[in-house]
Amino acid sequence: MDYMVSQKGGYNKVGFSSKDIYNNISRTRRGKVKYGDAFATLAYLLSKTVSDLLFLGKFSSKDSKLENLMWSDGAIDYECFGDVMAFDTKV
């Protein structure tokens, strides 16, 4: 953004803000995720079952929406790192 501002001679001459750029990038990325984020996540995790023998995943849905998701894979070892990630998707 700073490069464009310096080329145009000021923020008021660029015609858009940093937020506009981030919104456009987000819109473009969302457009590339076919059937939504939950479907993309489940498809990715399903592909992990083929390549990772230590992979374990469970999910449940309600009203065609992903409700619960849990997974564990060989790349992350709880005994070594002691970390757990939790996502609250309830709106």
PDB file of N, CA and C in Angstrom:
ATOM      1  N   MET A   1       0.835  -1.184   0.000  1.00  0.00           N
ATOM      2  CA  MET A   1       0.000   0.000   0.000  1.00  0.00           C
ATOM      3  C   MET A   1       0.882   1.250   0.000  1.00  0.00           C
ATOM      4  N   ASP A   2       1.931   1.245   0.814  1.00  0.00           N
ATOM      5  CA  ASP A   2       2.799   2.417   0.885  1.00  0.00           C
ATOM      6  C   ASP A   2       3.430   2.745  -0.468  1.00  0.00           C
ATOM      7  N   TYR A   3       3.749   1.698  -1.224  1.00  0.00           N
ATOM      8  CA  TYR A   3       4.335   1.914  -2.539  1.00  0.00           C
ATOM      9  C   TYR A   3       3.355   2.665  -3.443  1.00  0.00           C
ATOM     10  N   MET A   4       2.109   2.230  -3.417  1.00  0.00           N
ATOM     11  CA  MET A   4       1.099   2.884  -4.257  1.00  0.00           C
ATOM     12  C   MET A   4       0.854   4.323  -3.807  1.00  0.00           C
ATOM     13  N   VAL A   5       0.871   4.547  -2.505  1.00  0.00           N
ATOM     14  CA  VAL A   5       0.667   5.893  -1.968  1.00  0.00           C
ATOM     15  C   VAL A   5       1.800   6.808  -2.419  1.00  0.00           C
ATOM     16  N   SER A   6       3.031   6.295  -2.356  1.00  0.00           N
ATOM     17  CA  SER A   6       4.161   7.126  -2.778  1.00  0.00           C
ATOM     18  C   SER A   6       4.117   7.400  -4.280  1.00  0.00           C
ATOM     19  N   GLN A   7       3.635   6.448  -5.057  1.00  0.00           N
ATOM     20  CA  GLN A   7       3.535   6.644  -6.507  1.00  0.00           C
ATOM     21  C   GLN A   7       2.469   7.685  -6.868  1.00  0.00           C
ATOM     22  N   LYS A   8       1.367   7.671  -6.133  1.00  0.00           N
ATOM     23  CA  LYS A   8       0.245   8.583  -6.431  1.00  0.00           C
ATOM     24  C   LYS A   8       0.402   9.952  -5.762  1.00  0.00           C
ATOM     25  N   GLY A   9       1.234  10.020  -4.713  1.00  0.00           N
ATOM     26  CA  GLY A   9       1.442  11.303  -4.050  1.00  0.00           C
ATOM     27  C   GLY A   9       0.579  11.548  -2.846  1.00  0.00           C
ATOM     28  N   GLY A  10       0.052  10.512  -2.217  1.00  0.00           N
ATOM     29  CA  GLY A  10      -0.727  10.675  -0.983  1.00  0.00           C
ATOM     30  C   GLY A  10      -1.885   9.700  -0.910  1.00  0.00           C
ATOM     31  N   TYR A  11      -2.311   9.449   0.344  1.00  0.00           N
ATOM     32  CA  TYR A  11      -3.408   8.508   0.579  1.00  0.00           C
ATOM     33  C   TYR A  11      -4.703   8.967  -0.084  1.00  0.00           C
ATOM     34  N   ASN A  12      -4.941  10.273  -0.106  1.00  0.00           N
ATOM     35  CA  ASN A  12      -6.187  10.784  -0.675  1.00  0.00           C
ATOM     36  C   ASN A  12      -6.242  10.646  -2.197  1.00  0.00           C
ATOM     37  N   LYS A  13      -5.121  10.307  -2.833  1.00  0.00           N
ATOM     38  CA  LYS A  13      -5.092  10.177  -4.292  1.00  0.00           C
ATOM     39  C   LYS A  13      -5.087   8.724  -4.778  1.00  0.00           C
ATOM     40  N   VAL A  14      -5.023   7.777  -3.839  1.00  0.00           N
ATOM     41  CA  VAL A  14      -4.966   6.363  -4.222  1.00  0.00           C
ATOM     42  C   VAL A  14      -6.333   5.857  -4.663  1.00  0.00           C
ATOM     43  N   GLY A  15      -7.386   6.255  -3.981  1.00  0.00           N
ATOM     44  CA  GLY A  15      -8.732   5.844  -4.375  1.00  0.00           C
ATOM     45  C   GLY A  15      -9.275   4.655  -3.603  1.00  0.00           C
ATOM     46  N   PHE A  16      -8.475   4.074  -2.717  1.00  0.00           N
ATOM     47  CA  PHE A  16      -8.946   2.970  -1.872  1.00  0.00           C
ATOM     48  C   PHE A  16      -8.064   2.920  -0.631  1.00  0.00           C
ATOM     49  N   SER A  17      -8.555   2.209   0.387  1.00  0.00           N
ATOM     50  CA  SER A  17      -7.825   2.107   1.654  1.00  0.00           C
ATOM     51  C   SER A  17      -7.243   0.708   1.828  1.00  0.00           C
ATOM     52  N   SER A  18      -6.436   0.546   2.856  1.00  0.00           N
ATOM     53  CA  SER A  18      -5.889  -0.777   3.174  1.00  0.00           C
ATOM     54  C   SER A  18      -7.012  -1.768   3.447  1.00  0.00           C
ATOM     55  N   LYS A  19      -8.058  -1.301   4.120  1.00  0.00           N
ATOM     56  CA  LYS A  19      -9.209  -2.159   4.418  1.00  0.00           C
ATOM     57  C   LYS A  19      -9.870  -2.642   3.133  1.00  0.00           C
ATOM     58  N   ASP A  20      -9.952  -1.783   2.122  1.00  0.00           N
ATOM     59  CA  ASP A  20     -10.509  -2.186   0.824  1.00  0.00           C
ATOM     60  C   ASP A  20      -9.704  -3.328   0.213  1.00  0.00           C
ATOM     61  N   ILE A  21      -8.384  -3.244   0.325  1.00  0.00           N
ATOM     62  CA  ILE A  21      -7.521  -4.294  -0.218  1.00  0.00           C
ATOM     63  C   ILE A  21      -7.778  -5.608   0.505  1.00  0.00           C
ATOM     64  N   TYR A  22      -7.795  -5.557   1.858  1.00  0.00           N
ATOM     65  CA  TYR A  22      -8.026  -6.781   2.633  1.00  0.00           C
ATOM     66  C   TYR A  22      -9.412  -7.367   2.361  1.00  0.00           C
ATOM     67  N   ASN A  23     -10.416  -6.518   2.216  1.00  0.00           N
ATOM     68  CA  ASN A  23     -11.763  -7.000   1.893  1.00  0.00           C
ATOM     69  C   ASN A  23     -11.788  -7.696   0.537  1.00  0.00           C
ATOM     70  N   ASN A  24     -11.086  -7.146  -0.437  1.00  0.00           N
ATOM     71  CA  ASN A  24     -11.040  -7.737  -1.767  1.00  0.00           C
ATOM     72  C   ASN A  24     -10.330  -9.094  -1.737  1.00  0.00           C
ATOM     73  N   ILE A  25      -9.229  -9.164  -1.029  1.00  0.00           N
ATOM     74  CA  ILE A  25      -8.507 -10.436  -0.903  1.00  0.00           C
ATOM     75  C   ILE A  25      -9.392 -11.480  -0.232  1.00  0.00           C
ATOM     76  N   SER A  26     -10.078 -11.083   0.843  1.00  0.00           N
ATOM     77  CA  SER A  26     -10.969 -12.011   1.553  1.00  0.00           C
ATOM     78  C   SER A  26     -12.097 -12.495   0.649  1.00  0.00           C
ATOM     79  N   ARG A  27     -12.695 -11.594  -0.110  1.00  0.00           N
ATOM     80  CA  ARG A  27     -13.775 -11.960  -1.033  1.00  0.00           C
ATOM     81  C   ARG A  27     -13.273 -12.958  -2.078  1.00  0.00           C
ATOM     82  N   THR A  28     -12.083 -12.719  -2.590  1.00  0.00           N
ATOM     83  CA  THR A  28     -11.498 -13.608  -3.597  1.00  0.00           C
ATOM     84  C   THR A  28     -11.238 -14.987  -3.021  1.00  0.00           C
ATOM     85  N   ARG A  29     -10.693 -15.038  -1.823  1.00  0.00           N
ATOM     86  CA  ARG A  29     -10.412 -16.331  -1.180  1.00  0.00           C
ATOM     87  C   ARG A  29     -11.693 -17.101  -0.893  1.00  0.00           C
ATOM     88  N   ARG A  30     -12.721 -16.401  -0.387  1.00  0.00           N
ATOM     89  CA  ARG A  30     -13.995 -17.075  -0.108  1.00  0.00           C
ATOM     90  C   ARG A  30     -14.606 -17.630  -1.380  1.00  0.00           C
ATOM     91  N   GLY A  31     -14.424 -16.934  -2.490  1.00  0.00           N
ATOM     92  CA  GLY A  31     -14.956 -17.393  -3.763  1.00  0.00           C
ATOM     93  C   GLY A  31     -14.292 -18.662  -4.251  1.00  0.00           C
ATOM     94  N   LYS A  32     -13.066 -18.914  -3.814  1.00  0.00           N
ATOM     95  CA  LYS A  32     -12.328 -20.102  -4.238  1.00  0.00           C
ATOM     96  C   LYS A  32     -12.668 -21.335  -3.410  1.00  0.00           C
ATOM     97  N   VAL A  33     -13.299 -21.147  -2.253  1.00  0.00           N
ATOM     98  CA  VAL A  33     -13.660 -22.269  -1.386  1.00  0.00           C
ATOM     99  C   VAL A  33     -15.040 -22.754  -1.799  1.00  0.00           C
ATOM    100  N   LYS A  34     -15.061 -23.839  -2.548  1.00  0.00           N
ATOM    101  CA  LYS A  34     -16.318 -24.367  -3.061  1.00  0.00           C
ATOM    102  C   LYS A  34     -17.091 -25.047  -1.933  1.00  0.00           C
ATOM    103  N   TYR A  35     -18.355 -24.786  -1.825  1.00  0.00           N
ATOM    104  CA  TYR A  35     -19.288 -25.349  -0.840  1.00  0.00           C
ATOM    105  C   TYR A  35     -19.031 -24.858   0.582  1.00  0.00           C
ATOM    106  N   GLY A  36     -18.144 -23.919   0.816  1.00  0.00           N
ATOM    107  CA  GLY A  36     -17.945 -23.333   2.139  1.00  0.00           C
ATOM    108  C   GLY A  36     -16.740 -23.871   2.882  1.00  0.00           C
ATOM    109  N   ASP A  37     -16.416 -23.174   3.963  1.00  0.00           N
ATOM    110  CA  ASP A  37     -15.241 -23.496   4.764  1.00  0.00           C
ATOM    111  C   ASP A  37     -15.318 -24.868   5.416  1.00  0.00           C
ATOM    112  N   ALA A  38     -16.485 -25.226   5.940  1.00  0.00           N
ATOM    113  CA  ALA A  38     -16.625 -26.510   6.632  1.00  0.00           C
ATOM    114  C   ALA A  38     -16.377 -27.667   5.668  1.00  0.00           C
ATOM    115  N   PHE A  39     -16.930 -27.574   4.476  1.00  0.00           N
ATOM    116  CA  PHE A  39     -16.726 -28.625   3.486  1.00  0.00           C
ATOM    117  C   PHE A  39     -15.253 -28.732   3.115  1.00  0.00           C
ATOM    118  N   ALA A  40     -14.596 -27.588   2.914  1.00  0.00           N
ATOM    119  CA  ALA A  40     -13.175 -27.588   2.565  1.00  0.00           C
ATOM    120  C   ALA A  40     -12.348 -28.209   3.677  1.00  0.00           C
ATOM    121  N   THR A  41     -12.690 -27.909   4.914  1.00  0.00           N
ATOM    122  CA  THR A  41     -11.972 -28.477   6.055  1.00  0.00           C
ATOM    123  C   THR A  41     -12.142 -29.984   6.113  1.00  0.00           C
ATOM    124  N   LEU A  42     -13.378 -30.452   5.966  1.00  0.00           N
ATOM    125  CA  LEU A  42     -13.628 -31.893   6.001  1.00  0.00           C
ATOM    126  C   LEU A  42     -12.944 -32.608   4.837  1.00  0.00           C
ATOM    127  N   ALA A  43     -12.940 -32.002   3.676  1.00  0.00           N
ATOM    128  CA  ALA A  43     -12.272 -32.596   2.518  1.00  0.00           C
ATOM    129  C   ALA A  43     -10.765 -32.704   2.771  1.00  0.00           C
ATOM    130  N   TYR A  44     -10.179 -31.664   3.357  1.00  0.00           N
ATOM    131  CA  TYR A  44      -8.745 -31.698   3.672  1.00  0.00           C
ATOM    132  C   TYR A  44      -8.446 -32.797   4.694  1.00  0.00           C
ATOM    133  N   LEU A  45      -9.252 -32.843   5.753  1.00  0.00           N
ATOM    134  CA  LEU A  45      -9.010 -33.848   6.787  1.00  0.00           C
ATOM    135  C   LEU A  45      -9.220 -35.261   6.252  1.00  0.00           C
ATOM    136  N   LEU A  46     -10.186 -35.439   5.361  1.00  0.00           N
ATOM    137  CA  LEU A  46     -10.397 -36.752   4.747  1.00  0.00           C
ATOM    138  C   LEU A  46      -9.176 -37.160   3.927  1.00  0.00           C
ATOM    139  N   SER A  47      -8.568 -36.209   3.242  1.00  0.00           N
ATOM    140  CA  SER A  47      -7.363 -36.529   2.465  1.00  0.00           C
ATOM    141  C   SER A  47      -6.203 -36.914   3.373  1.00  0.00           C
ATOM    142  N   LYS A  48      -6.189 -36.421   4.608  1.00  0.00           N
ATOM    143  CA  LYS A  48      -5.130 -36.766   5.565  1.00  0.00           C
ATOM    144  C   LYS A  48      -5.206 -38.234   5.981  1.00  0.00           C
ATOM    145  N   THR A  49      -6.399 -38.823   5.938  1.00  0.00           N
ATOM    146  CA  THR A  49      -6.537 -40.218   6.373  1.00  0.00           C
ATOM    147  C   THR A  49      -5.739 -41.160   5.477  1.00  0.00           C
ATOM    148  N   VAL A  50      -5.523 -40.770   4.239  1.00  0.00           N
ATOM    149  CA  VAL A  50      -4.781 -41.600   3.289  1.00  0.00           C
ATOM    150  C   VAL A  50      -3.281 -41.527   3.559  1.00  0.00           C
ATOM    151  N   SER A  51      -2.791 -40.334   3.875  1.00  0.00           N
ATOM    152  CA  SER A  51      -1.349 -40.140   4.002  1.00  0.00           C
ATOM    153  C   SER A  51      -0.815 -40.242   5.429  1.00  0.00           C
ATOM    154  N   ASP A  52      -1.675 -40.182   6.441  1.00  0.00           N
ATOM    155  CA  ASP A  52      -1.231 -40.173   7.832  1.00  0.00           C
ATOM    156  C   ASP A  52      -1.890 -41.323   8.590  1.00  0.00           C
ATOM    157  N   LEU A  53      -1.123 -42.332   8.906  1.00  0.00           N
ATOM    158  CA  LEU A  53      -1.665 -43.505   9.601  1.00  0.00           C
ATOM    159  C   LEU A  53      -2.094 -43.192  11.025  1.00  0.00           C
ATOM    160  N   LEU A  54      -1.571 -42.110  11.622  1.00  0.00           N
ATOM    161  CA  LEU A  54      -1.933 -41.739  12.987  1.00  0.00           C
ATOM    162  C   LEU A  54      -3.118 -40.775  13.048  1.00  0.00           C
ATOM    163  N   PHE A  55      -3.682 -40.446  11.901  1.00  0.00           N
ATOM    164  CA  PHE A  55      -4.791 -39.500  11.857  1.00  0.00           C
ATOM    165  C   PHE A  55      -6.056 -40.115  12.437  1.00  0.00           C
ATOM    166  N   LEU A  56      -6.768 -39.324  13.233  1.00  0.00           N
ATOM    167  CA  LEU A  56      -8.066 -39.706  13.766  1.00  0.00           C
ATOM    168  C   LEU A  56      -8.946 -38.470  13.707  1.00  0.00           C
ATOM    169  N   GLY A  57     -10.118 -38.589  13.160  1.00  0.00           N
ATOM    170  CA  GLY A  57     -11.017 -37.444  13.071  1.00  0.00           C
ATOM    171  C   GLY A  57     -12.468 -37.851  13.243  1.00  0.00           C
ATOM    172  N   LYS A  58     -13.221 -37.009  13.908  1.00  0.00           N
ATOM    173  CA  LYS A  58     -14.663 -37.203  14.107  1.00  0.00           C
ATOM    174  C   LYS A  58     -15.352 -35.860  13.950  1.00  0.00           C
ATOM    175  N   PHE A  59     -16.556 -35.887  13.418  1.00  0.00           N
ATOM    176  CA  PHE A  59     -17.334 -34.658  13.319  1.00  0.00           C
ATOM    177  C   PHE A  59     -18.809 -34.978  13.394  1.00  0.00           C
ATOM    178  N   SER A  60     -19.593 -33.971  13.720  1.00  0.00           N
ATOM    179  CA  SER A  60     -21.045 -34.103  13.694  1.00  0.00           C
ATOM    180  C   SER A  60     -21.617 -32.827  13.094  1.00  0.00           C
ATOM    181  N   SER A  61     -22.795 -32.966  12.523  1.00  0.00           N
ATOM    182  CA  SER A  61     -23.454 -31.805  11.928  1.00  0.00           C
ATOM    183  C   SER A  61     -24.910 -31.770  12.380  1.00  0.00           C
ATOM    184  N   LYS A  62     -25.473 -30.591  12.314  1.00  0.00           N
ATOM    185  CA  LYS A  62     -26.876 -30.396  12.672  1.00  0.00           C
ATOM    186  C   LYS A  62     -27.443 -29.356  11.732  1.00  0.00           C
ATOM    187  N   ASP A  63     -28.578 -29.640  11.138  1.00  0.00           N
ATOM    188  CA  ASP A  63     -29.222 -28.732  10.181  1.00  0.00           C
ATOM    189  C   ASP A  63     -28.264 -28.348   9.047  1.00  0.00           C
ATOM    190  N   SER A  64     -27.527 -29.336   8.553  1.00  0.00           N
ATOM    191  CA  SER A  64     -26.572 -29.161   7.454  1.00  0.00           C
ATOM    192  C   SER A  64     -25.434 -28.197   7.786  1.00  0.00           C
ATOM    193  N   LYS A  65     -25.141 -28.033   9.073  1.00  0.00           N
ATOM    194  CA  LYS A  65     -24.031 -27.182   9.507  1.00  0.00           C
ATOM    195  C   LYS A  65     -23.108 -27.996  10.400  1.00  0.00           C
ATOM    196  N   LEU A  66     -21.813 -27.772  10.232  1.00  0.00           N
ATOM    197  CA  LEU A  66     -20.823 -28.448  11.051  1.00  0.00           C
ATOM    198  C   LEU A  66     -20.991 -28.000  12.489  1.00  0.00           C
ATOM    199  N   GLU A  67     -21.179 -28.962  13.394  1.00  0.00           N
ATOM    200  CA  GLU A  67     -21.410 -28.624  14.791  1.00  0.00           C
ATOM    201  C   GLU A  67     -20.186 -28.918  15.654  1.00  0.00           C
ATOM    202  N   ASN A  68     -19.601 -30.094  15.490  1.00  0.00           N
ATOM    203  CA  ASN A  68     -18.433 -30.494  16.273  1.00  0.00           C
ATOM    204  C   ASN A  68     -17.381 -31.090  15.355  1.00  0.00           C
ATOM    205  N   LEU A  69     -16.138 -30.813  15.660  1.00  0.00           N
ATOM    206  CA  LEU A  69     -15.028 -31.343  14.880  1.00  0.00           C
ATOM    207  C   LEU A  69     -13.860 -31.593  15.815  1.00  0.00           C
ATOM    208  N   MET A  70     -13.301 -32.788  15.742  1.00  0.00           N
ATOM    209  CA  MET A  70     -12.141 -33.149  16.535  1.00  0.00           C
ATOM    210  C   MET A  70     -11.217 -33.938  15.641  1.00  0.00           C
ATOM    211  N   TRP A  71      -9.920 -33.656  15.717  1.00  0.00           N
ATOM    212  CA  TRP A  71      -8.966 -34.461  14.973  1.00  0.00           C
ATOM    213  C   TRP A  71      -7.631 -34.492  15.697  1.00  0.00           C
ATOM    214  N   SER A  72      -6.898 -35.507  15.400  1.00  0.00           N
ATOM    215  CA  SER A  72      -5.542 -35.671  15.904  1.00  0.00           C
ATOM    216  C   SER A  72      -4.739 -36.297  14.779  1.00  0.00           C
ATOM    217  N   ASP A  73      -3.514 -35.829  14.598  1.00  0.00           N
ATOM    218  CA  ASP A  73      -2.700 -36.410  13.533  1.00  0.00           C
ATOM    219  C   ASP A  73      -1.273 -36.648  14.013  1.00  0.00           C
ATOM    220  N   GLY A  74      -0.479 -37.275  13.174  1.00  0.00           N
ATOM    221  CA  GLY A  74       0.884 -37.622  13.524  1.00  0.00           C
ATOM    222  C   GLY A  74       1.820 -36.435  13.590  1.00  0.00           C
ATOM    223  N   ALA A  75       1.440 -35.300  13.020  1.00  0.00           N
ATOM    224  CA  ALA A  75       2.322 -34.132  12.999  1.00  0.00           C
ATOM    225  C   ALA A  75       2.364 -33.420  14.340  1.00  0.00           C
ATOM    226  N   ILE A  76       1.348 -33.575  15.148  1.00  0.00           N
ATOM    227  CA  ILE A  76       1.307 -32.887  16.437  1.00  0.00           C
ATOM    228  C   ILE A  76       1.221 -33.924  17.541  1.00  0.00           C
ATOM    229  N   ASP A  77       2.135 -33.850  18.470  1.00  0.00           N
ATOM    230  CA  ASP A  77       2.212 -34.817  19.552  1.00  0.00           C
ATOM    231  C   ASP A  77       1.895 -34.114  20.864  1.00  0.00           C
ATOM    232  N   TYR A  78       0.732 -34.406  21.426  1.00  0.00           N
ATOM    233  CA  TYR A  78       0.293 -33.739  22.656  1.00  0.00           C
ATOM    234  C   TYR A  78       1.269 -33.972  23.794  1.00  0.00           C
ATOM    235  N   GLU A  79       1.832 -35.172  23.888  1.00  0.00           N
ATOM    236  CA  GLU A  79       2.758 -35.465  24.977  1.00  0.00           C
ATOM    237  C   GLU A  79       4.015 -34.601  24.899  1.00  0.00           C
ATOM    238  N   CYS A  80       4.440 -34.249  23.692  1.00  0.00           N
ATOM    239  CA  CYS A  80       5.634 -33.396  23.536  1.00  0.00           C
ATOM    240  C   CYS A  80       5.321 -31.921  23.753  1.00  0.00           C
ATOM    241  N   PHE A  81       4.196 -31.458  23.184  1.00  0.00           N
ATOM    242  CA  PHE A  81       3.911 -30.030  23.191  1.00  0.00           C
ATOM    243  C   PHE A  81       2.889 -29.618  24.233  1.00  0.00           C
ATOM    244  N   GLY A  82       1.976 -30.508  24.609  1.00  0.00           N
ATOM    245  CA  GLY A  82       0.964 -30.183  25.613  1.00  0.00           C
ATOM    246  C   GLY A  82      -0.050 -29.140  25.159  1.00  0.00           C
ATOM    247  N   ASP A  83      -0.259 -29.015  23.863  1.00  0.00           N
ATOM    248  CA  ASP A  83      -1.172 -27.996  23.338  1.00  0.00           C
ATOM    249  C   ASP A  83      -2.462 -28.622  22.819  1.00  0.00           C
ATOM    250  N   VAL A  84      -3.534 -27.880  22.992  1.00  0.00           N
ATOM    251  CA  VAL A  84      -4.824 -28.253  22.419  1.00  0.00           C
ATOM    252  C   VAL A  84      -5.396 -26.986  21.792  1.00  0.00           C
ATOM    253  N   MET A  85      -5.929 -27.116  20.593  1.00  0.00           N
ATOM    254  CA  MET A  85      -6.595 -25.987  19.953  1.00  0.00           C
ATOM    255  C   MET A  85      -8.099 -26.239  20.012  1.00  0.00           C
ATOM    256  N   ALA A  86      -8.838 -25.198  20.370  1.00  0.00           N
ATOM    257  CA  ALA A  86     -10.291 -25.297  20.420  1.00  0.00           C
ATOM    258  C   ALA A  86     -10.886 -24.156  19.622  1.00  0.00           C
ATOM    259  N   PHE A  87     -11.898 -24.479  18.808  1.00  0.00           N
ATOM    260  CA  PHE A  87     -12.583 -23.481  17.989  1.00  0.00           C
ATOM    261  C   PHE A  87     -14.046 -23.440  18.431  1.00  0.00           C
ATOM    262  N   ASP A  88     -14.529 -22.274  18.780  1.00  0.00           N
ATOM    263  CA  ASP A  88     -15.941 -22.115  19.115  1.00  0.00           C
ATOM    264  C   ASP A  88     -16.646 -21.542  17.889  1.00  0.00           C
ATOM    265  N   THR A  89     -17.453 -22.372  17.233  1.00  0.00           N
ATOM    266  CA  THR A  89     -18.095 -21.944  15.993  1.00  0.00           C
ATOM    267  C   THR A  89     -19.548 -21.543  16.197  1.00  0.00           C
ATOM    268  N   LYS A  90     -20.016 -21.554  17.412  1.00  0.00           N
ATOM    269  CA  LYS A  90     -21.413 -21.185  17.674  1.00  0.00           C
ATOM    270  C   LYS A  90     -21.588 -19.690  17.487  1.00  0.00           C
ATOM    271  N   VAL A  91     -22.645 -19.335  16.805  1.00  0.00           N
ATOM    272  CA  VAL A  91     -22.909 -17.915  16.548  1.00  0.00           C
ATOM    273  C   VAL A  91     -24.001 -17.430  17.469  1.00  0.00           C
TER     274      VAL A  91
END
